Amino acid sequence: MNRNLFITLLIIFNIAIDQISKVIVRMTMIKGGKGQINVIKDYFQLIWVENKGAFLGMGSEMNSTLRLIFLLILPTVVLCYVVYYIVKTKTLDKLSLIAFCCIIGGGIANVFDRIVFGEVTDFFFINLGGIFKTGIFNVADLSVTTGMVMLLFSGIFTNKKKENISA
């Protein structure tokens, strides 16, 4: 498959899965946690909230000008640069390329929400009884996080390969 087509399709896939999940949440749930759904007891729940800020609501208290700069303009510039970078850098390994596509797709999906709705729809919540607990997040956040973890693994594997070659 053509590399640029692969990049485009993977980014679109990440955006589509996120936006479809958000449409389903908006159509079927009650906002504000009143209609929470226990998927796996209290450990994994669906709770619909709207987030004016970034990750875990950070920045939601900023004035509208700062929110525009830090939650719309800056992320859009960064996302455009990353798209440019992955299209131009033909030497990226497959794992890094997929990781960047996940990050870009998730980032675009959340920026889209901020442009269209003025806030981001979040709905996943995990609470493993004091061992591990998340804030409320969405599929786009999951895409970005997965992409970041994949980039870390890619960097570790790439460095180990270089060490083995030079040894």
N, C-alpha and C. Protein backbone atom coordinates (compact mmCIF):
# COMPACT_ATOMS: atom_id res chain seq x y z
N MET A 1 0.85 -1.18 0.00
CA MET A 1 0.00 0.00 0.00
C MET A 1 0.90 1.25 0.00
N ASN A 2 0.47 2.24 -0.71
CA ASN A 2 1.16 3.53 -0.74
C ASN A 2 1.29 4.08 0.69
N ARG A 3 2.48 4.53 1.04
CA ARG A 3 2.77 5.01 2.40
C ARG A 3 1.86 6.16 2.82
N ASN A 4 1.68 7.16 1.95
CA ASN A 4 0.84 8.30 2.30
C ASN A 4 -0.63 7.91 2.42
N LEU A 5 -1.06 6.96 1.63
CA LEU A 5 -2.43 6.46 1.75
C LEU A 5 -2.61 5.74 3.08
N PHE A 6 -1.61 4.95 3.47
CA PHE A 6 -1.63 4.26 4.76
C PHE A 6 -1.74 5.27 5.90
N ILE A 7 -0.93 6.32 5.85
CA ILE A 7 -0.95 7.37 6.88
C ILE A 7 -2.33 8.00 6.95
N THR A 8 -2.86 8.39 5.80
CA THR A 8 -4.17 9.05 5.74
C THR A 8 -5.27 8.15 6.29
N LEU A 9 -5.29 6.89 5.87
CA LEU A 9 -6.34 5.98 6.32
C LEU A 9 -6.26 5.72 7.82
N LEU A 10 -5.06 5.59 8.35
CA LEU A 10 -4.91 5.32 9.79
C LEU A 10 -5.34 6.54 10.62
N ILE A 11 -5.01 7.72 10.16
CA ILE A 11 -5.45 8.94 10.86
C ILE A 11 -6.97 9.04 10.80
N ILE A 12 -7.54 8.84 9.62
CA ILE A 12 -9.00 8.91 9.47
C ILE A 12 -9.69 7.85 10.32
N PHE A 13 -9.12 6.65 10.39
CA PHE A 13 -9.69 5.59 11.22
C PHE A 13 -9.75 6.02 12.68
N ASN A 14 -8.66 6.60 13.19
CA ASN A 14 -8.64 7.05 14.59
C ASN A 14 -9.67 8.14 14.84
N ILE A 15 -9.78 9.08 13.92
CA ILE A 15 -10.77 10.15 14.06
C ILE A 15 -12.18 9.56 14.03
N ALA A 16 -12.44 8.68 13.08
CA ALA A 16 -13.78 8.11 12.90
C ALA A 16 -14.23 7.31 14.11
N ILE A 17 -13.37 6.45 14.64
CA ILE A 17 -13.74 5.64 15.80
C ILE A 17 -14.07 6.56 16.98
N ASP A 18 -13.27 7.58 17.18
CA ASP A 18 -13.53 8.52 18.27
C ASP A 18 -14.86 9.24 18.06
N GLN A 19 -15.07 9.80 16.89
CA GLN A 19 -16.28 10.59 16.65
C GLN A 19 -17.54 9.72 16.68
N ILE A 20 -17.46 8.51 16.17
CA ILE A 20 -18.61 7.60 16.23
C ILE A 20 -18.95 7.28 17.68
N SER A 21 -17.92 7.00 18.49
CA SER A 21 -18.18 6.69 19.90
C SER A 21 -18.82 7.88 20.61
N LYS A 22 -18.39 9.09 20.29
CA LYS A 22 -18.94 10.29 20.93
C LYS A 22 -20.39 10.54 20.49
N VAL A 23 -20.69 10.28 19.24
CA VAL A 23 -22.08 10.43 18.76
C VAL A 23 -22.98 9.45 19.50
N ILE A 24 -22.52 8.21 19.66
CA ILE A 24 -23.31 7.20 20.37
C ILE A 24 -23.55 7.65 21.82
N VAL A 25 -22.50 8.15 22.47
CA VAL A 25 -22.64 8.61 23.86
C VAL A 25 -23.64 9.75 23.94
N ARG A 26 -23.50 10.74 23.05
CA ARG A 26 -24.41 11.91 23.08
C ARG A 26 -25.86 11.51 22.81
N MET A 27 -26.05 10.47 22.01
CA MET A 27 -27.42 10.05 21.65
C MET A 27 -28.06 9.13 22.68
N THR A 28 -27.25 8.42 23.47
CA THR A 28 -27.82 7.37 24.32
C THR A 28 -27.64 7.57 25.81
N MET A 29 -26.77 8.49 26.22
CA MET A 29 -26.50 8.64 27.65
C MET A 29 -27.05 9.96 28.19
N ILE A 30 -27.06 10.07 29.50
CA ILE A 30 -27.46 11.29 30.19
C ILE A 30 -26.18 11.97 30.66
N LYS A 31 -26.04 13.26 30.35
CA LYS A 31 -24.82 14.00 30.67
C LYS A 31 -24.69 14.21 32.18
N GLY A 32 -23.43 14.23 32.62
CA GLY A 32 -23.13 14.62 33.99
C GLY A 32 -23.05 13.48 34.98
N GLY A 33 -22.96 12.26 34.53
CA GLY A 33 -22.80 11.14 35.44
C GLY A 33 -24.08 10.62 36.04
N LYS A 34 -25.22 11.24 35.72
CA LYS A 34 -26.49 10.77 36.29
C LYS A 34 -26.92 9.45 35.67
N GLY A 35 -26.45 9.22 34.45
CA GLY A 35 -26.82 7.98 33.77
C GLY A 35 -25.64 7.08 33.55
N GLN A 36 -24.77 6.99 34.54
CA GLN A 36 -23.56 6.19 34.36
C GLN A 36 -23.92 4.73 34.13
N ILE A 37 -23.09 4.07 33.33
CA ILE A 37 -23.30 2.67 33.00
C ILE A 37 -22.11 1.88 33.54
N ASN A 38 -22.39 0.90 34.39
CA ASN A 38 -21.34 0.02 34.89
C ASN A 38 -21.11 -1.08 33.86
N VAL A 39 -20.01 -1.01 33.17
CA VAL A 39 -19.68 -2.02 32.16
C VAL A 39 -19.13 -3.26 32.86
N ILE A 40 -18.19 -3.05 33.77
CA ILE A 40 -17.64 -4.13 34.61
C ILE A 40 -17.70 -3.63 36.04
N LYS A 41 -18.81 -3.93 36.69
CA LYS A 41 -19.08 -3.46 38.06
C LYS A 41 -18.71 -1.99 38.20
N ASP A 42 -18.02 -1.62 39.28
CA ASP A 42 -17.56 -0.24 39.45
C ASP A 42 -16.17 -0.02 38.86
N TYR A 43 -15.59 -1.07 38.28
CA TYR A 43 -14.22 -0.99 37.79
C TYR A 43 -14.11 -0.25 36.46
N PHE A 44 -15.08 -0.46 35.58
CA PHE A 44 -15.06 0.19 34.27
C PHE A 44 -16.46 0.73 34.00
N GLN A 45 -16.55 2.06 33.93
CA GLN A 45 -17.86 2.70 33.78
C GLN A 45 -17.86 3.65 32.59
N LEU A 46 -19.06 3.89 32.08
CA LEU A 46 -19.28 4.94 31.10
C LEU A 46 -19.99 6.07 31.82
N ILE A 47 -19.37 7.24 31.81
CA ILE A 47 -19.93 8.43 32.46
C ILE A 47 -19.72 9.60 31.50
N TRP A 48 -20.79 10.17 30.99
CA TRP A 48 -20.67 11.25 30.01
C TRP A 48 -20.46 12.60 30.69
N VAL A 49 -19.34 13.22 30.38
CA VAL A 49 -19.06 14.58 30.83
C VAL A 49 -18.52 15.37 29.64
N GLU A 50 -18.67 16.68 29.70
CA GLU A 50 -18.09 17.57 28.70
C GLU A 50 -16.94 18.31 29.35
N ASN A 51 -15.80 18.32 28.68
CA ASN A 51 -14.56 18.86 29.22
C ASN A 51 -14.14 20.09 28.41
N LYS A 52 -14.13 21.25 29.04
CA LYS A 52 -13.69 22.48 28.37
C LYS A 52 -12.17 22.59 28.33
N GLY A 53 -11.49 21.80 29.15
CA GLY A 53 -10.04 21.88 29.24
C GLY A 53 -9.37 20.80 28.41
N ALA A 54 -8.13 20.53 28.79
CA ALA A 54 -7.35 19.50 28.13
C ALA A 54 -7.42 18.24 28.99
N PHE A 55 -6.37 17.48 29.01
CA PHE A 55 -6.30 16.22 29.76
C PHE A 55 -6.72 16.44 31.21
N LEU A 56 -7.70 15.67 31.67
CA LEU A 56 -8.24 15.73 33.02
C LEU A 56 -8.76 17.11 33.40
N GLY A 57 -9.22 17.85 32.41
CA GLY A 57 -9.81 19.16 32.66
C GLY A 57 -8.82 20.29 32.86
N MET A 58 -7.51 20.00 32.72
CA MET A 58 -6.52 21.06 32.91
C MET A 58 -6.77 22.19 31.91
N GLY A 59 -6.76 23.39 32.39
CA GLY A 59 -6.97 24.55 31.54
C GLY A 59 -8.42 24.96 31.38
N SER A 60 -9.34 24.24 32.01
CA SER A 60 -10.75 24.58 31.86
C SER A 60 -11.10 25.90 32.52
N GLU A 61 -10.27 26.35 33.45
CA GLU A 61 -10.52 27.61 34.14
C GLU A 61 -9.87 28.81 33.43
N MET A 62 -9.12 28.56 32.36
CA MET A 62 -8.48 29.65 31.63
C MET A 62 -9.55 30.51 30.96
N ASN A 63 -9.19 31.77 30.72
CA ASN A 63 -10.13 32.61 29.97
C ASN A 63 -10.18 32.14 28.52
N SER A 64 -11.18 32.60 27.79
CA SER A 64 -11.44 32.07 26.44
C SER A 64 -10.28 32.33 25.47
N THR A 65 -9.57 33.44 25.63
CA THR A 65 -8.44 33.73 24.74
C THR A 65 -7.31 32.72 24.96
N LEU A 66 -6.98 32.46 26.22
CA LEU A 66 -5.92 31.48 26.51
C LEU A 66 -6.33 30.08 26.08
N ARG A 67 -7.61 29.73 26.27
CA ARG A 67 -8.09 28.42 25.81
C ARG A 67 -7.96 28.31 24.30
N LEU A 68 -8.29 29.38 23.59
CA LEU A 68 -8.16 29.40 22.14
C LEU A 68 -6.71 29.15 21.73
N ILE A 69 -5.78 29.83 22.39
CA ILE A 69 -4.36 29.69 22.05
C ILE A 69 -3.84 28.29 22.41
N PHE A 70 -4.06 27.86 23.66
CA PHE A 70 -3.43 26.64 24.16
C PHE A 70 -4.19 25.35 23.82
N LEU A 71 -5.48 25.45 23.54
CA LEU A 71 -6.25 24.23 23.29
C LEU A 71 -6.73 24.10 21.84
N LEU A 72 -6.55 25.16 21.04
CA LEU A 72 -6.93 25.07 19.62
C LEU A 72 -5.76 25.41 18.69
N ILE A 73 -5.22 26.61 18.83
CA ILE A 73 -4.20 27.05 17.89
C ILE A 73 -2.90 26.26 18.04
N LEU A 74 -2.36 26.20 19.24
CA LEU A 74 -1.11 25.48 19.48
C LEU A 74 -1.21 24.00 19.10
N PRO A 75 -2.24 23.29 19.56
CA PRO A 75 -2.35 21.88 19.15
C PRO A 75 -2.47 21.71 17.63
N THR A 76 -3.18 22.62 16.97
CA THR A 76 -3.33 22.52 15.51
C THR A 76 -1.98 22.71 14.82
N VAL A 77 -1.19 23.66 15.28
CA VAL A 77 0.14 23.89 14.71
C VAL A 77 1.02 22.66 14.93
N VAL A 78 0.99 22.12 16.13
CA VAL A 78 1.81 20.93 16.45
C VAL A 78 1.36 19.74 15.60
N LEU A 79 0.05 19.52 15.48
CA LEU A 79 -0.46 18.40 14.68
C LEU A 79 -0.06 18.55 13.21
N CYS A 80 -0.14 19.77 12.69
CA CYS A 80 0.27 20.01 11.30
C CYS A 80 1.75 19.70 11.12
N TYR A 81 2.57 20.10 12.08
CA TYR A 81 4.00 19.82 11.99
C TYR A 81 4.26 18.31 12.04
N VAL A 82 3.58 17.59 12.91
CA VAL A 82 3.80 16.15 13.02
C VAL A 82 3.37 15.45 11.72
N VAL A 83 2.27 15.89 11.12
CA VAL A 83 1.86 15.32 9.83
C VAL A 83 2.97 15.57 8.80
N TYR A 84 3.45 16.79 8.73
CA TYR A 84 4.54 17.13 7.81
C TYR A 84 5.76 16.23 8.08
N TYR A 85 6.11 16.07 9.35
CA TYR A 85 7.27 15.27 9.74
C TYR A 85 7.14 13.82 9.28
N ILE A 86 6.00 13.20 9.53
CA ILE A 86 5.88 11.77 9.17
C ILE A 86 5.77 11.57 7.66
N VAL A 87 5.23 12.53 6.95
CA VAL A 87 5.15 12.41 5.49
C VAL A 87 6.55 12.58 4.88
N LYS A 88 7.33 13.50 5.41
CA LYS A 88 8.66 13.78 4.86
C LYS A 88 9.73 12.80 5.33
N THR A 89 9.58 12.24 6.52
CA THR A 89 10.61 11.36 7.07
C THR A 89 10.32 9.93 6.66
N LYS A 90 10.95 9.51 5.59
CA LYS A 90 10.70 8.18 5.01
C LYS A 90 11.40 7.07 5.78
N THR A 91 12.29 7.42 6.73
CA THR A 91 13.06 6.42 7.45
C THR A 91 12.40 5.96 8.75
N LEU A 92 11.21 6.47 9.05
CA LEU A 92 10.53 6.04 10.28
C LEU A 92 10.20 4.56 10.21
N ASP A 93 10.42 3.86 11.31
CA ASP A 93 10.02 2.46 11.36
C ASP A 93 8.49 2.38 11.44
N LYS A 94 7.95 1.22 11.11
CA LYS A 94 6.49 1.04 11.02
C LYS A 94 5.79 1.34 12.34
N LEU A 95 6.37 0.90 13.46
CA LEU A 95 5.75 1.13 14.77
C LEU A 95 5.67 2.63 15.08
N SER A 96 6.72 3.37 14.79
CA SER A 96 6.71 4.82 15.02
C SER A 96 5.69 5.50 14.12
N LEU A 97 5.61 5.07 12.88
CA LEU A 97 4.66 5.65 11.94
C LEU A 97 3.22 5.44 12.43
N ILE A 98 2.91 4.22 12.86
CA ILE A 98 1.57 3.93 13.39
C ILE A 98 1.31 4.75 14.64
N ALA A 99 2.32 4.86 15.51
CA ALA A 99 2.18 5.62 16.74
C ALA A 99 1.86 7.09 16.45
N PHE A 100 2.60 7.69 15.54
CA PHE A 100 2.35 9.08 15.18
C PHE A 100 0.95 9.25 14.59
N CYS A 101 0.51 8.30 13.78
CA CYS A 101 -0.84 8.38 13.20
C CYS A 101 -1.91 8.33 14.29
N CYS A 102 -1.71 7.50 15.31
CA CYS A 102 -2.65 7.44 16.43
C CYS A 102 -2.69 8.78 17.17
N ILE A 103 -1.52 9.34 17.41
CA ILE A 103 -1.43 10.62 18.12
C ILE A 103 -2.12 11.72 17.31
N ILE A 104 -1.84 11.76 16.02
CA ILE A 104 -2.44 12.78 15.15
C ILE A 104 -3.95 12.61 15.08
N GLY A 105 -4.41 11.38 14.86
CA GLY A 105 -5.85 11.12 14.77
C GLY A 105 -6.59 11.51 16.04
N GLY A 106 -6.04 11.11 17.18
CA GLY A 106 -6.66 11.47 18.47
C GLY A 106 -6.64 12.97 18.71
N GLY A 107 -5.52 13.59 18.37
CA GLY A 107 -5.41 15.04 18.54
C GLY A 107 -6.40 15.79 17.67
N ILE A 108 -6.51 15.40 16.41
CA ILE A 108 -7.46 16.05 15.51
C ILE A 108 -8.89 15.86 16.00
N ALA A 109 -9.22 14.67 16.47
CA ALA A 109 -10.58 14.39 16.94
C ALA A 109 -10.96 15.30 18.10
N ASN A 110 -10.05 15.49 19.05
CA ASN A 110 -10.36 16.37 20.19
C ASN A 110 -10.38 17.85 19.78
N VAL A 111 -9.50 18.26 18.88
CA VAL A 111 -9.53 19.64 18.38
C VAL A 111 -10.85 19.88 17.64
N PHE A 112 -11.29 18.90 16.87
CA PHE A 112 -12.58 19.00 16.17
C PHE A 112 -13.71 19.25 17.16
N ASP A 113 -13.73 18.49 18.25
CA ASP A 113 -14.76 18.69 19.29
C ASP A 113 -14.72 20.12 19.83
N ARG A 114 -13.51 20.62 20.10
CA ARG A 114 -13.40 21.98 20.65
C ARG A 114 -13.90 23.03 19.66
N ILE A 115 -13.64 22.81 18.37
CA ILE A 115 -14.10 23.76 17.35
C ILE A 115 -15.61 23.70 17.21
N VAL A 116 -16.16 22.49 17.09
CA VAL A 116 -17.59 22.32 16.80
C VAL A 116 -18.46 22.51 18.04
N PHE A 117 -18.05 21.96 19.18
CA PHE A 117 -18.88 21.95 20.38
C PHE A 117 -18.39 22.89 21.49
N GLY A 118 -17.16 23.37 21.38
CA GLY A 118 -16.60 24.23 22.42
C GLY A 118 -16.07 23.45 23.61
N GLU A 119 -16.18 22.14 23.57
CA GLU A 119 -15.71 21.25 24.64
C GLU A 119 -15.57 19.85 24.08
N VAL A 120 -14.94 18.98 24.86
CA VAL A 120 -14.66 17.62 24.41
C VAL A 120 -15.52 16.64 25.20
N THR A 121 -16.14 15.71 24.49
CA THR A 121 -16.95 14.68 25.12
C THR A 121 -16.05 13.58 25.66
N ASP A 122 -16.14 13.31 26.96
CA ASP A 122 -15.39 12.24 27.62
C ASP A 122 -16.39 11.28 28.25
N PHE A 123 -16.01 9.99 28.37
CA PHE A 123 -16.99 9.04 28.90
C PHE A 123 -16.43 7.76 29.50
N PHE A 124 -15.18 7.43 29.31
CA PHE A 124 -14.61 6.22 29.92
C PHE A 124 -14.07 6.55 31.31
N PHE A 125 -14.30 5.65 32.26
CA PHE A 125 -13.75 5.81 33.61
C PHE A 125 -13.34 4.45 34.13
N ILE A 126 -12.09 4.35 34.62
CA ILE A 126 -11.57 3.10 35.18
C ILE A 126 -11.18 3.35 36.63
N ASN A 127 -11.65 2.46 37.53
CA ASN A 127 -11.29 2.55 38.94
C ASN A 127 -11.06 1.13 39.45
N LEU A 128 -9.80 0.78 39.63
CA LEU A 128 -9.47 -0.57 40.08
C LEU A 128 -9.30 -0.64 41.59
N GLY A 129 -10.18 0.05 42.30
CA GLY A 129 -10.24 -0.04 43.75
C GLY A 129 -9.01 0.42 44.48
N GLY A 130 -8.52 1.59 44.19
CA GLY A 130 -7.36 2.12 44.90
C GLY A 130 -6.03 1.77 44.27
N ILE A 131 -5.99 0.76 43.42
CA ILE A 131 -4.74 0.37 42.76
C ILE A 131 -4.45 1.31 41.60
N PHE A 132 -5.49 1.59 40.83
CA PHE A 132 -5.36 2.42 39.63
C PHE A 132 -6.69 3.09 39.37
N LYS A 133 -6.65 4.39 39.11
CA LYS A 133 -7.87 5.14 38.84
C LYS A 133 -7.55 6.20 37.79
N THR A 134 -8.43 6.33 36.80
CA THR A 134 -8.23 7.34 35.77
C THR A 134 -9.20 8.50 35.97
N GLY A 135 -8.95 9.57 35.25
CA GLY A 135 -9.97 10.58 35.06
C GLY A 135 -10.91 10.06 33.99
N ILE A 136 -11.90 10.83 33.65
CA ILE A 136 -12.81 10.42 32.58
C ILE A 136 -12.18 10.83 31.25
N PHE A 137 -12.13 9.90 30.30
CA PHE A 137 -11.42 10.12 29.04
C PHE A 137 -12.23 9.57 27.88
N ASN A 138 -11.70 9.70 26.67
CA ASN A 138 -12.42 9.25 25.48
C ASN A 138 -11.50 8.44 24.57
N VAL A 139 -12.03 8.03 23.42
CA VAL A 139 -11.27 7.21 22.48
C VAL A 139 -10.07 7.99 21.92
N ALA A 140 -10.24 9.28 21.67
CA ALA A 140 -9.13 10.09 21.17
C ALA A 140 -7.99 10.12 22.18
N ASP A 141 -8.31 10.27 23.45
CA ASP A 141 -7.29 10.24 24.50
C ASP A 141 -6.58 8.89 24.52
N LEU A 142 -7.36 7.84 24.33
CA LEU A 142 -6.80 6.49 24.28
C LEU A 142 -5.87 6.34 23.08
N SER A 143 -6.24 6.90 21.94
CA SER A 143 -5.39 6.86 20.74
C SER A 143 -4.07 7.58 20.99
N VAL A 144 -4.15 8.78 21.57
CA VAL A 144 -2.94 9.56 21.83
C VAL A 144 -2.04 8.82 22.82
N THR A 145 -2.62 8.30 23.89
CA THR A 145 -1.84 7.57 24.90
C THR A 145 -1.22 6.31 24.31
N THR A 146 -1.98 5.57 23.54
CA THR A 146 -1.46 4.36 22.90
C THR A 146 -0.31 4.72 21.96
N GLY A 147 -0.49 5.80 21.20
CA GLY A 147 0.57 6.25 20.31
C GLY A 147 1.84 6.62 21.07
N MET A 148 1.69 7.29 22.20
CA MET A 148 2.86 7.67 23.00
C MET A 148 3.58 6.44 23.55
N VAL A 149 2.82 5.46 24.02
CA VAL A 149 3.43 4.22 24.53
C VAL A 149 4.15 3.49 23.40
N MET A 150 3.53 3.45 22.23
CA MET A 150 4.16 2.81 21.07
C MET A 150 5.46 3.52 20.69
N LEU A 151 5.45 4.85 20.75
CA LEU A 151 6.68 5.60 20.45
C LEU A 151 7.79 5.28 21.45
N LEU A 152 7.43 5.15 22.72
CA LEU A 152 8.42 4.77 23.73
C LEU A 152 9.02 3.41 23.41
N PHE A 153 8.16 2.43 23.11
CA PHE A 153 8.65 1.09 22.77
C PHE A 153 9.51 1.13 21.51
N SER A 154 9.08 1.88 20.54
CA SER A 154 9.83 2.00 19.30
C SER A 154 11.21 2.58 19.58
N GLY A 155 11.27 3.61 20.42
CA GLY A 155 12.55 4.21 20.77
C GLY A 155 13.45 3.24 21.52
N ILE A 156 12.87 2.48 22.42
CA ILE A 156 13.65 1.49 23.19
C ILE A 156 14.19 0.41 22.25
N PHE A 157 13.32 -0.12 21.37
CA PHE A 157 13.75 -1.18 20.45
C PHE A 157 14.79 -0.66 19.46
N THR A 158 14.62 0.56 18.98
CA THR A 158 15.57 1.15 18.05
C THR A 158 16.93 1.34 18.71
N ASN A 159 16.94 1.82 19.97
CA ASN A 159 18.21 2.00 20.70
C ASN A 159 18.88 0.67 20.97
N LYS A 160 18.10 -0.37 21.31
CA LYS A 160 18.70 -1.69 21.56
C LYS A 160 19.30 -2.26 20.28
N LYS A 161 18.64 -2.05 19.15
CA LYS A 161 19.17 -2.53 17.87
C LYS A 161 20.50 -1.83 17.56
N LYS A 162 20.55 -0.51 17.79
CA LYS A 162 21.77 0.25 17.55
C LYS A 162 22.89 -0.21 18.46
N GLU A 163 22.56 -0.50 19.75
CA GLU A 163 23.57 -0.99 20.69
C GLU A 163 24.10 -2.35 20.25
N ASN A 164 23.22 -3.22 19.78
CA ASN A 164 23.63 -4.56 19.35
C ASN A 164 24.49 -4.48 18.10
N ILE A 165 24.18 -3.56 17.21
CA ILE A 165 24.95 -3.42 15.98
C ILE A 165 26.33 -2.88 16.28
N SER A 166 26.41 -1.90 17.18
CA SER A 166 27.71 -1.28 17.48
C SER A 166 28.55 -2.13 18.43
N ALA A 167 27.98 -3.14 19.07
CA ALA A 167 28.74 -3.95 20.03
C ALA A 167 29.54 -5.04 19.39
